[in-house]
Amino acid sequence: MATCEVCGNDYWMAFDIRTVSGDTYTFDSFECAIQLLAPICEHCQCKIVGHGVEVSGRFFCCAHCARAVDQETGAQVRDAVGSRPG
């Protein structure tokens, strides 16, 4: 069995995640993995679980938050969810 790095639970179905930097972490649930590894939106401070938006090297949960912080570059960002083609 392996022990979750966030909650300390010793669980037979624990899993490992390897990051791009080569670090490896062990978790017992996606909830714990998100808690430790998900980036945080620089505007509203929520955990970015989906694709999110990167503007000028900064991470946001959506285009609205990107525009709120960087009006010039953020104005070029559009959320694709729910939008209809021209």
Protein backbone atom coordinates (compact mmCIF):
# COMPACT_ATOMS: atom_id res chain seq x y z
CA MET A 1 0.00 0.00 0.00
CA ALA A 2 1.01 3.61 -0.49
CA THR A 3 0.39 6.67 1.64
CA CYS A 4 -1.24 9.83 0.26
CA GLU A 5 1.05 12.85 0.53
CA VAL A 6 -1.85 15.18 1.37
CA CYS A 7 -4.10 13.34 3.82
CA GLY A 8 -1.82 10.52 4.97
CA ASN A 9 -4.33 7.80 4.08
CA ASP A 10 -2.72 4.40 3.49
CA TYR A 11 -4.71 3.09 0.53
CA TRP A 12 -4.28 0.03 -1.70
CA MET A 13 -5.52 1.96 -4.78
CA ALA A 14 -3.21 4.96 -4.35
CA PHE A 15 -1.64 6.32 -7.53
CA ASP A 16 1.39 8.35 -8.54
CA ILE A 17 1.57 11.50 -10.61
CA ARG A 18 4.83 12.57 -12.23
CA THR A 19 5.13 16.27 -13.08
CA VAL A 20 6.96 17.76 -16.05
CA SER A 21 9.87 18.57 -13.72
CA GLY A 22 10.19 14.85 -12.88
CA ASP A 23 8.83 15.07 -9.32
CA THR A 24 6.58 12.18 -8.32
CA TYR A 25 3.69 12.44 -5.85
CA THR A 26 1.44 9.74 -4.37
CA PHE A 27 -2.28 10.35 -3.80
CA ASP A 28 -5.30 8.36 -2.69
CA SER A 29 -7.80 10.53 -4.62
CA PHE A 30 -8.04 13.16 -7.33
CA GLU A 31 -9.27 15.55 -4.64
CA CYS A 32 -5.92 15.33 -2.85
CA ALA A 33 -3.99 15.62 -6.13
CA ILE A 34 -5.91 18.80 -7.03
CA GLN A 35 -5.35 20.23 -3.56
CA LEU A 36 -1.58 19.90 -3.91
CA LEU A 37 -0.91 20.32 -7.63
CA ALA A 38 -3.62 22.43 -9.29
CA PRO A 39 -2.56 25.98 -10.13
CA ILE A 40 -4.47 28.86 -8.51
CA CYS A 41 -6.22 31.57 -10.53
CA GLU A 42 -4.36 34.86 -10.07
CA HIS A 43 -7.63 36.80 -9.97
CA CYS A 44 -10.26 34.84 -8.02
CA GLN A 45 -7.90 32.41 -6.23
CA CYS A 46 -9.87 29.27 -7.18
CA LYS A 47 -8.07 26.03 -8.07
CA ILE A 48 -7.80 25.62 -11.84
CA VAL A 49 -9.08 22.11 -12.50
CA GLY A 50 -9.90 22.45 -16.21
CA HIS A 51 -7.86 23.95 -19.04
CA GLY A 52 -7.75 27.47 -17.66
CA VAL A 53 -6.14 30.37 -19.51
CA GLU A 54 -2.51 31.46 -19.61
CA VAL A 55 -1.83 35.13 -20.37
CA SER A 56 1.71 36.49 -20.35
CA GLY A 57 2.90 33.59 -18.20
CA ARG A 58 0.12 34.05 -15.62
CA PHE A 59 -2.65 31.50 -15.00
CA PHE A 60 -6.37 32.19 -14.75
CA CYS A 61 -9.42 29.94 -14.46
CA CYS A 62 -11.27 31.72 -17.32
CA ALA A 63 -11.09 34.56 -19.84
CA HIS A 64 -13.12 36.83 -17.55
CA CYS A 65 -10.46 36.60 -14.82
CA ALA A 66 -7.67 37.12 -17.37
CA ARG A 67 -9.35 40.29 -18.64
CA ALA A 68 -9.88 41.56 -15.09
CA VAL A 69 -6.14 41.47 -14.41
CA ASP A 70 -4.61 42.19 -17.85
CA GLN A 71 -7.11 44.20 -19.88
CA GLU A 72 -4.91 44.65 -22.95
CA THR A 73 -3.70 41.08 -23.51
CA GLY A 74 -6.67 39.52 -21.72
CA ALA A 75 -9.02 41.20 -24.20
CA GLN A 76 -7.72 38.80 -26.84
CA VAL A 77 -8.70 35.71 -24.80
CA ARG A 78 -12.08 34.05 -25.31
CA ASP A 79 -13.66 31.16 -23.46
CA ALA A 80 -14.75 28.47 -25.94
CA VAL A 81 -17.33 26.81 -23.69
CA GLY A 82 -20.84 27.55 -24.91
CA SER A 83 -19.79 29.85 -27.74
CA ARG A 84 -21.26 29.28 -31.17
CA PRO A 85 -19.27 29.61 -34.38
CA GLY A 86 -19.91 32.81 -36.38
